[in-house]
Amino acid sequence: MSSTWLIYSGALMVLLSIGILFIAGRPTTPAWRDTTSIACGVVVFAVVCVLALLLDAPAGIAVSGACFWLAATITAVHAVRGRTSTQN
């Protein structure tokens, strides 16, 4: 089984999360201060990396694909949380 699906699906998720960001609008807080979205991204990174390695993907491709998923998760969660959180 080819492991390029991991890279392509991660890149597609990045594009979808950017679409969410455009629709939801720019969050008021910077992404590096949103620890919830970073934590979600790290969990997704670990899960995708382990699943890819269990499916016999090469280590470099597993990490690269997981990085795409990490970026997509951070962007999407931050976009949704940044617009729905209570603003002072």
PDB file of N, CA and C in Angstrom:
ATOM      1  N   MET A   1       0.849  -1.182   0.000  1.00  0.00           N
ATOM      2  CA  MET A   1       0.000   0.000   0.000  1.00  0.00           C
ATOM      3  C   MET A   1       0.889   1.237   0.000  1.00  0.00           C
ATOM      4  N   SER A   2       0.596   2.144  -0.878  1.00  0.00           N
ATOM      5  CA  SER A   2       1.373   3.377  -0.962  1.00  0.00           C
ATOM      6  C   SER A   2       1.057   4.284   0.215  1.00  0.00           C
ATOM      7  N   SER A   3       2.079   4.929   0.726  1.00  0.00           N
ATOM      8  CA  SER A   3       1.878   5.787   1.891  1.00  0.00           C
ATOM      9  C   SER A   3       1.745   7.265   1.513  1.00  0.00           C
ATOM     10  N   THR A   4       1.648   7.555   0.232  1.00  0.00           N
ATOM     11  CA  THR A   4       1.482   8.952  -0.172  1.00  0.00           C
ATOM     12  C   THR A   4       0.112   9.501   0.216  1.00  0.00           C
ATOM     13  N   TRP A   5      -0.837   8.616   0.514  1.00  0.00           N
ATOM     14  CA  TRP A   5      -2.157   9.069   0.961  1.00  0.00           C
ATOM     15  C   TRP A   5      -2.044   9.926   2.211  1.00  0.00           C
ATOM     16  N   LEU A   6      -1.026   9.633   3.029  1.00  0.00           N
ATOM     17  CA  LEU A   6      -0.853  10.368   4.277  1.00  0.00           C
ATOM     18  C   LEU A   6      -0.497  11.830   4.002  1.00  0.00           C
ATOM     19  N   ILE A   7       0.407  12.042   3.053  1.00  0.00           N
ATOM     20  CA  ILE A   7       0.801  13.404   2.686  1.00  0.00           C
ATOM     21  C   ILE A   7      -0.371  14.139   2.041  1.00  0.00           C
ATOM     22  N   TYR A   8      -1.035  13.477   1.088  1.00  0.00           N
ATOM     23  CA  TYR A   8      -2.129  14.133   0.370  1.00  0.00           C
ATOM     24  C   TYR A   8      -3.315  14.442   1.280  1.00  0.00           C
ATOM     25  N   SER A   9      -3.653  13.521   2.160  1.00  0.00           N
ATOM     26  CA  SER A   9      -4.788  13.778   3.051  1.00  0.00           C
ATOM     27  C   SER A   9      -4.449  14.885   4.050  1.00  0.00           C
ATOM     28  N   GLY A  10      -3.198  14.927   4.513  1.00  0.00           N
ATOM     29  CA  GLY A  10      -2.789  16.005   5.414  1.00  0.00           C
ATOM     30  C   GLY A  10      -2.826  17.358   4.731  1.00  0.00           C
ATOM     31  N   ALA A  11      -2.358  17.403   3.479  1.00  0.00           N
ATOM     32  CA  ALA A  11      -2.392  18.659   2.732  1.00  0.00           C
ATOM     33  C   ALA A  11      -3.831  19.100   2.471  1.00  0.00           C
ATOM     34  N   LEU A  12      -4.707  18.148   2.193  1.00  0.00           N
ATOM     35  CA  LEU A  12      -6.120  18.477   1.998  1.00  0.00           C
ATOM     36  C   LEU A  12      -6.732  19.022   3.282  1.00  0.00           C
ATOM     37  N   MET A  13      -6.363  18.437   4.414  1.00  0.00           N
ATOM     38  CA  MET A  13      -6.878  18.930   5.689  1.00  0.00           C
ATOM     39  C   MET A  13      -6.374  20.345   5.985  1.00  0.00           C
ATOM     40  N   VAL A  14      -5.141  20.644   5.608  1.00  0.00           N
ATOM     41  CA  VAL A  14      -4.632  22.007   5.784  1.00  0.00           C
ATOM     42  C   VAL A  14      -5.459  22.983   4.963  1.00  0.00           C
ATOM     43  N   LEU A  15      -5.757  22.622   3.720  1.00  0.00           N
ATOM     44  CA  LEU A  15      -6.576  23.500   2.879  1.00  0.00           C
ATOM     45  C   LEU A  15      -7.977  23.677   3.464  1.00  0.00           C
ATOM     46  N   LEU A  16      -8.565  22.600   3.972  1.00  0.00           N
ATOM     47  CA  LEU A  16      -9.887  22.712   4.581  1.00  0.00           C
ATOM     48  C   LEU A  16      -9.859  23.575   5.842  1.00  0.00           C
ATOM     49  N   SER A  17      -8.806  23.452   6.636  1.00  0.00           N
ATOM     50  CA  SER A  17      -8.734  24.269   7.849  1.00  0.00           C
ATOM     51  C   SER A  17      -8.512  25.739   7.514  1.00  0.00           C
ATOM     52  N   ILE A  18      -7.800  26.009   6.441  1.00  0.00           N
ATOM     53  CA  ILE A  18      -7.648  27.398   5.999  1.00  0.00           C
ATOM     54  C   ILE A  18      -8.997  27.940   5.525  1.00  0.00           C
ATOM     55  N   GLY A  19      -9.789  27.084   4.871  1.00  0.00           N
ATOM     56  CA  GLY A  19     -11.140  27.481   4.484  1.00  0.00           C
ATOM     57  C   GLY A  19     -11.995  27.812   5.685  1.00  0.00           C
ATOM     58  N   ILE A  20     -11.870  27.022   6.749  1.00  0.00           N
ATOM     59  CA  ILE A  20     -12.597  27.315   7.988  1.00  0.00           C
ATOM     60  C   ILE A  20     -12.145  28.656   8.543  1.00  0.00           C
ATOM     61  N   LEU A  21     -10.851  28.917   8.471  1.00  0.00           N
ATOM     62  CA  LEU A  21     -10.311  30.181   8.966  1.00  0.00           C
ATOM     63  C   LEU A  21     -10.871  31.362   8.174  1.00  0.00           C
ATOM     64  N   PHE A  22     -10.989  31.214   6.855  1.00  0.00           N
ATOM     65  CA  PHE A  22     -11.550  32.285   6.041  1.00  0.00           C
ATOM     66  C   PHE A  22     -13.023  32.508   6.350  1.00  0.00           C
ATOM     67  N   ILE A  23     -13.757  31.436   6.569  1.00  0.00           N
ATOM     68  CA  ILE A  23     -15.189  31.562   6.852  1.00  0.00           C
ATOM     69  C   ILE A  23     -15.420  32.122   8.253  1.00  0.00           C
ATOM     70  N   ALA A  24     -14.687  31.607   9.232  1.00  0.00           N
ATOM     71  CA  ALA A  24     -14.903  32.021  10.615  1.00  0.00           C
ATOM     72  C   ALA A  24     -14.337  33.408  10.895  1.00  0.00           C
ATOM     73  N   GLY A  25     -13.367  33.827  10.136  1.00  0.00           N
ATOM     74  CA  GLY A  25     -12.741  35.114  10.388  1.00  0.00           C
ATOM     75  C   GLY A  25     -11.486  34.959  11.232  1.00  0.00           C
ATOM     76  N   ARG A  26     -10.744  36.011  11.288  1.00  0.00           N
ATOM     77  CA  ARG A  26      -9.478  35.980  12.024  1.00  0.00           C
ATOM     78  C   ARG A  26      -9.727  36.007  13.531  1.00  0.00           C
ATOM     79  N   PRO A  27      -9.156  35.033  14.258  1.00  0.00           N
ATOM     80  CA  PRO A  27      -9.319  35.040  15.712  1.00  0.00           C
ATOM     81  C   PRO A  27      -8.615  36.235  16.338  1.00  0.00           C
ATOM     82  N   THR A  28      -9.079  36.627  17.502  1.00  0.00           N
ATOM     83  CA  THR A  28      -8.511  37.804  18.156  1.00  0.00           C
ATOM     84  C   THR A  28      -7.200  37.504  18.865  1.00  0.00           C
ATOM     85  N   THR A  29      -6.999  36.267  19.287  1.00  0.00           N
ATOM     86  CA  THR A  29      -5.751  35.902  19.960  1.00  0.00           C
ATOM     87  C   THR A  29      -4.825  35.185  18.989  1.00  0.00           C
ATOM     88  N   PRO A  30      -3.515  35.311  19.172  1.00  0.00           N
ATOM     89  CA  PRO A  30      -2.587  34.605  18.290  1.00  0.00           C
ATOM     90  C   PRO A  30      -2.603  33.097  18.561  1.00  0.00           C
ATOM     91  N   ALA A  31      -2.281  32.312  17.548  1.00  0.00           N
ATOM     92  CA  ALA A  31      -2.338  30.849  17.660  1.00  0.00           C
ATOM     93  C   ALA A  31      -1.338  30.311  18.668  1.00  0.00           C
ATOM     94  N   TRP A  32      -0.205  30.956  18.810  1.00  0.00           N
ATOM     95  CA  TRP A  32       0.806  30.431  19.726  1.00  0.00           C
ATOM     96  C   TRP A  32       0.395  30.569  21.185  1.00  0.00           C
ATOM     97  N   ARG A  33      -0.649  31.356  21.480  1.00  0.00           N
ATOM     98  CA  ARG A  33      -1.148  31.483  22.852  1.00  0.00           C
ATOM     99  C   ARG A  33      -2.330  30.561  23.125  1.00  0.00           C
ATOM    100  N   ASP A  34      -2.841  29.920  22.098  1.00  0.00           N
ATOM    101  CA  ASP A  34      -3.994  29.027  22.241  1.00  0.00           C
ATOM    102  C   ASP A  34      -3.490  27.619  22.551  1.00  0.00           C
ATOM    103  N   THR A  35      -3.321  27.337  23.842  1.00  0.00           N
ATOM    104  CA  THR A  35      -2.738  26.056  24.238  1.00  0.00           C
ATOM    105  C   THR A  35      -3.673  24.879  23.956  1.00  0.00           C
ATOM    106  N   THR A  36      -4.966  25.115  23.910  1.00  0.00           N
ATOM    107  CA  THR A  36      -5.897  24.028  23.603  1.00  0.00           C
ATOM    108  C   THR A  36      -5.714  23.539  22.178  1.00  0.00           C
ATOM    109  N   SER A  37      -5.585  24.454  21.234  1.00  0.00           N
ATOM    110  CA  SER A  37      -5.397  24.031  19.846  1.00  0.00           C
ATOM    111  C   SER A  37      -4.039  23.369  19.649  1.00  0.00           C
ATOM    112  N   ILE A  38      -3.032  23.842  20.356  1.00  0.00           N
ATOM    113  CA  ILE A  38      -1.716  23.210  20.256  1.00  0.00           C
ATOM    114  C   ILE A  38      -1.751  21.802  20.840  1.00  0.00           C
ATOM    115  N   ALA A  39      -2.430  21.641  21.973  1.00  0.00           N
ATOM    116  CA  ALA A  39      -2.548  20.308  22.578  1.00  0.00           C
ATOM    117  C   ALA A  39      -3.314  19.352  21.669  1.00  0.00           C
ATOM    118  N   CYS A  40      -4.379  19.829  21.050  1.00  0.00           N
ATOM    119  CA  CYS A  40      -5.125  18.995  20.103  1.00  0.00           C
ATOM    120  C   CYS A  40      -4.249  18.595  18.924  1.00  0.00           C
ATOM    121  N   GLY A  41      -3.463  19.535  18.431  1.00  0.00           N
ATOM    122  CA  GLY A  41      -2.566  19.246  17.319  1.00  0.00           C
ATOM    123  C   GLY A  41      -1.516  18.208  17.672  1.00  0.00           C
ATOM    124  N   VAL A  42      -0.970  18.285  18.876  1.00  0.00           N
ATOM    125  CA  VAL A  42       0.048  17.319  19.291  1.00  0.00           C
ATOM    126  C   VAL A  42      -0.558  15.923  19.434  1.00  0.00           C
ATOM    127  N   VAL A  43      -1.772  15.841  19.970  1.00  0.00           N
ATOM    128  CA  VAL A  43      -2.431  14.542  20.094  1.00  0.00           C
ATOM    129  C   VAL A  43      -2.706  13.946  18.718  1.00  0.00           C
ATOM    130  N   VAL A  44      -3.210  14.755  17.798  1.00  0.00           N
ATOM    131  CA  VAL A  44      -3.475  14.276  16.441  1.00  0.00           C
ATOM    132  C   VAL A  44      -2.174  13.867  15.758  1.00  0.00           C
ATOM    133  N   PHE A  45      -1.103  14.630  15.955  1.00  0.00           N
ATOM    134  CA  PHE A  45       0.207  14.289  15.399  1.00  0.00           C
ATOM    135  C   PHE A  45       0.639  12.898  15.865  1.00  0.00           C
ATOM    136  N   ALA A  46       0.532  12.651  17.161  1.00  0.00           N
ATOM    137  CA  ALA A  46       0.967  11.362  17.706  1.00  0.00           C
ATOM    138  C   ALA A  46       0.117  10.215  17.163  1.00  0.00           C
ATOM    139  N   VAL A  47      -1.194  10.413  17.100  1.00  0.00           N
ATOM    140  CA  VAL A  47      -2.083   9.351  16.626  1.00  0.00           C
ATOM    141  C   VAL A  47      -1.819   9.042  15.158  1.00  0.00           C
ATOM    142  N   VAL A  48      -1.711  10.070  14.331  1.00  0.00           N
ATOM    143  CA  VAL A  48      -1.480   9.857  12.898  1.00  0.00           C
ATOM    144  C   VAL A  48      -0.119   9.216  12.667  1.00  0.00           C
ATOM    145  N   CYS A  49       0.880   9.642  13.401  1.00  0.00           N
ATOM    146  CA  CYS A  49       2.224   9.078  13.241  1.00  0.00           C
ATOM    147  C   CYS A  49       2.235   7.596  13.620  1.00  0.00           C
ATOM    148  N   VAL A  50       1.619   7.250  14.730  1.00  0.00           N
ATOM    149  CA  VAL A  50       1.577   5.846  15.156  1.00  0.00           C
ATOM    150  C   VAL A  50       0.783   5.001  14.170  1.00  0.00           C
ATOM    151  N   LEU A  51      -0.364   5.509  13.718  1.00  0.00           N
ATOM    152  CA  LEU A  51      -1.161   4.751  12.744  1.00  0.00           C
ATOM    153  C   LEU A  51      -0.399   4.542  11.438  1.00  0.00           C
ATOM    154  N   ALA A  52       0.296   5.572  10.989  1.00  0.00           N
ATOM    155  CA  ALA A  52       1.063   5.441   9.745  1.00  0.00           C
ATOM    156  C   ALA A  52       2.189   4.426   9.906  1.00  0.00           C
ATOM    157  N   LEU A  53       2.855   4.438  11.039  1.00  0.00           N
ATOM    158  CA  LEU A  53       3.931   3.474  11.263  1.00  0.00           C
ATOM    159  C   LEU A  53       3.388   2.052  11.398  1.00  0.00           C
ATOM    160  N   LEU A  54       2.206   1.908  11.978  1.00  0.00           N
ATOM    161  CA  LEU A  54       1.582   0.587  12.056  1.00  0.00           C
ATOM    162  C   LEU A  54       1.172   0.066  10.683  1.00  0.00           C
ATOM    163  N   LEU A  55       0.893   0.984   9.759  1.00  0.00           N
ATOM    164  CA  LEU A  55       0.537   0.599   8.388  1.00  0.00           C
ATOM    165  C   LEU A  55       1.757   0.506   7.479  1.00  0.00           C
ATOM    166  N   ASP A  56       2.944   0.414   8.085  1.00  0.00           N
ATOM    167  CA  ASP A  56       4.214   0.222   7.376  1.00  0.00           C
ATOM    168  C   ASP A  56       4.608   1.377   6.470  1.00  0.00           C
ATOM    169  N   ALA A  57       4.264   2.596   6.849  1.00  0.00           N
ATOM    170  CA  ALA A  57       4.736   3.767   6.111  1.00  0.00           C
ATOM    171  C   ALA A  57       6.179   4.048   6.532  1.00  0.00           C
ATOM    172  N   PRO A  58       7.011   4.537   5.625  1.00  0.00           N
ATOM    173  CA  PRO A  58       8.366   4.928   6.025  1.00  0.00           C
ATOM    174  C   PRO A  58       8.310   6.038   7.080  1.00  0.00           C
ATOM    175  N   ALA A  59       9.293   6.049   7.953  1.00  0.00           N
ATOM    176  CA  ALA A  59       9.281   6.988   9.080  1.00  0.00           C
ATOM    177  C   ALA A  59       9.229   8.442   8.616  1.00  0.00           C
ATOM    178  N   GLY A  60       9.978   8.787   7.579  1.00  0.00           N
ATOM    179  CA  GLY A  60       9.977  10.164   7.087  1.00  0.00           C
ATOM    180  C   GLY A  60       8.625  10.601   6.581  1.00  0.00           C
ATOM    181  N   ILE A  61       7.946   9.717   5.867  1.00  0.00           N
ATOM    182  CA  ILE A  61       6.619  10.054   5.350  1.00  0.00           C
ATOM    183  C   ILE A  61       5.608  10.106   6.485  1.00  0.00           C
ATOM    184  N   ALA A  62       5.744   9.221   7.460  1.00  0.00           N
ATOM    185  CA  ALA A  62       4.823   9.241   8.603  1.00  0.00           C
ATOM    186  C   ALA A  62       4.924  10.553   9.361  1.00  0.00           C
ATOM    187  N   VAL A  63       6.140  11.015   9.595  1.00  0.00           N
ATOM    188  CA  VAL A  63       6.316  12.272  10.325  1.00  0.00           C
ATOM    189  C   VAL A  63       5.871  13.461   9.478  1.00  0.00           C
ATOM    190  N   SER A  64       6.184  13.442   8.186  1.00  0.00           N
ATOM    191  CA  SER A  64       5.780  14.548   7.309  1.00  0.00           C
ATOM    192  C   SER A  64       4.263  14.655   7.221  1.00  0.00           C
ATOM    193  N   GLY A  65       3.602  13.535   7.030  1.00  0.00           N
ATOM    194  CA  GLY A  65       2.141  13.547   6.974  1.00  0.00           C
ATOM    195  C   GLY A  65       1.533  13.973   8.289  1.00  0.00           C
ATOM    196  N   ALA A  66       2.114  13.506   9.384  1.00  0.00           N
ATOM    197  CA  ALA A  66       1.605  13.892  10.697  1.00  0.00           C
ATOM    198  C   ALA A  66       1.792  15.381  10.947  1.00  0.00           C
ATOM    199  N   CYS A  67       2.857  15.966  10.401  1.00  0.00           N
ATOM    200  CA  CYS A  67       3.064  17.418  10.532  1.00  0.00           C
ATOM    201  C   CYS A  67       1.968  18.195   9.810  1.00  0.00           C
ATOM    202  N   PHE A  68       1.558  17.711   8.634  1.00  0.00           N
ATOM    203  CA  PHE A  68       0.438  18.346   7.937  1.00  0.00           C
ATOM    204  C   PHE A  68      -0.823  18.287   8.787  1.00  0.00           C
ATOM    205  N   TRP A  69      -1.082  17.106   9.378  1.00  0.00           N
ATOM    206  CA  TRP A  69      -2.269  16.960  10.222  1.00  0.00           C
ATOM    207  C   TRP A  69      -2.169  17.838  11.456  1.00  0.00           C
ATOM    208  N   LEU A  70      -0.981  17.981  12.017  1.00  0.00           N
ATOM    209  CA  LEU A  70      -0.761  18.869  13.169  1.00  0.00           C
ATOM    210  C   LEU A  70      -1.121  20.301  12.811  1.00  0.00           C
ATOM    211  N   ALA A  71      -0.612  20.767  11.675  1.00  0.00           N
ATOM    212  CA  ALA A  71      -0.892  22.143  11.248  1.00  0.00           C
ATOM    213  C   ALA A  71      -2.379  22.354  10.981  1.00  0.00           C
ATOM    214  N   ALA A  72      -3.011  21.378  10.355  1.00  0.00           N
ATOM    215  CA  ALA A  72      -4.445  21.494  10.063  1.00  0.00           C
ATOM    216  C   ALA A  72      -5.265  21.547  11.347  1.00  0.00           C
ATOM    217  N   THR A  73      -4.904  20.720  12.313  1.00  0.00           N
ATOM    218  CA  THR A  73      -5.646  20.693  13.568  1.00  0.00           C
ATOM    219  C   THR A  73      -5.489  21.990  14.337  1.00  0.00           C
ATOM    220  N   ILE A  74      -4.267  22.484  14.430  1.00  0.00           N
ATOM    221  CA  ILE A  74      -4.040  23.744  15.148  1.00  0.00           C
ATOM    222  C   ILE A  74      -4.808  24.883  14.480  1.00  0.00           C
ATOM    223  N   THR A  75      -4.752  24.943  13.156  1.00  0.00           N
ATOM    224  CA  THR A  75      -5.433  26.024  12.436  1.00  0.00           C
ATOM    225  C   THR A  75      -6.946  25.949  12.605  1.00  0.00           C
ATOM    226  N   ALA A  76      -7.509  24.758  12.434  1.00  0.00           N
ATOM    227  CA  ALA A  76      -8.965  24.625  12.519  1.00  0.00           C
ATOM    228  C   ALA A  76      -9.485  24.861  13.936  1.00  0.00           C
ATOM    229  N   VAL A  77      -8.842  24.258  14.923  1.00  0.00           N
ATOM    230  CA  VAL A  77      -9.307  24.434  16.302  1.00  0.00           C
ATOM    231  C   VAL A  77      -9.150  25.890  16.729  1.00  0.00           C
ATOM    232  N   HIS A  78      -8.057  26.508  16.350  1.00  0.00           N
ATOM    233  CA  HIS A  78      -7.854  27.907  16.711  1.00  0.00           C
ATOM    234  C   HIS A  78      -8.872  28.811  16.019  1.00  0.00           C
ATOM    235  N   ALA A  79      -9.190  28.511  14.774  1.00  0.00           N
ATOM    236  CA  ALA A  79     -10.173  29.324  14.057  1.00  0.00           C
ATOM    237  C   ALA A  79     -11.542  29.227  14.714  1.00  0.00           C
ATOM    238  N   VAL A  80     -11.940  28.025  15.090  1.00  0.00           N
ATOM    239  CA  VAL A  80     -13.257  27.839  15.697  1.00  0.00           C
ATOM    240  C   VAL A  80     -13.281  28.402  17.121  1.00  0.00           C
ATOM    241  N   ARG A  81     -12.265  28.117  17.913  1.00  0.00           N
ATOM    242  CA  ARG A  81     -12.240  28.598  19.286  1.00  0.00           C
ATOM    243  C   ARG A  81     -12.059  30.107  19.368  1.00  0.00           C
ATOM    244  N   GLY A  82     -11.302  30.684  18.448  1.00  0.00           N
ATOM    245  CA  GLY A  82     -11.031  32.112  18.495  1.00  0.00           C
ATOM    246  C   GLY A  82     -12.256  32.964  18.241  1.00  0.00           C
ATOM    247  N   ARG A  83     -13.231  32.431  17.497  1.00  0.00           N
ATOM    248  CA  ARG A  83     -14.428  33.196  17.194  1.00  0.00           C
ATOM    249  C   ARG A  83     -15.569  32.894  18.144  1.00  0.00           C
ATOM    250  N   THR A  84     -15.518  31.746  18.833  1.00  0.00           N
ATOM    251  CA  THR A  84     -16.648  31.389  19.690  1.00  0.00           C
ATOM    252  C   THR A  84     -16.347  31.611  21.169  1.00  0.00           C
ATOM    253  N   SER A  85     -15.104  31.923  21.508  1.00  0.00           N
ATOM    254  CA  SER A  85     -14.787  32.141  22.918  1.00  0.00           C
ATOM    255  C   SER A  85     -15.355  33.482  23.380  1.00  0.00           C
ATOM    256  N   THR A  86     -15.511  33.617  24.668  1.00  0.00           N
ATOM    257  CA  THR A  86     -16.055  34.867  25.204  1.00  0.00           C
ATOM    258  C   THR A  86     -14.983  35.958  25.114  1.00  0.00           C
ATOM    259  N   GLN A  87     -15.368  37.077  24.594  1.00  0.00           N
ATOM    260  CA  GLN A  87     -14.449  38.204  24.427  1.00  0.00           C
ATOM    261  C   GLN A  87     -14.697  39.197  25.548  1.00  0.00           C
ATOM    262  N   ASN A  88     -13.618  39.658  26.180  1.00  0.00           N
ATOM    263  CA  ASN A  88     -13.744  40.657  27.259  1.00  0.00           C
ATOM    264  C   ASN A  88     -13.708  42.052  26.716  1.00  0.00           C
TER     265      ASN A  88
END
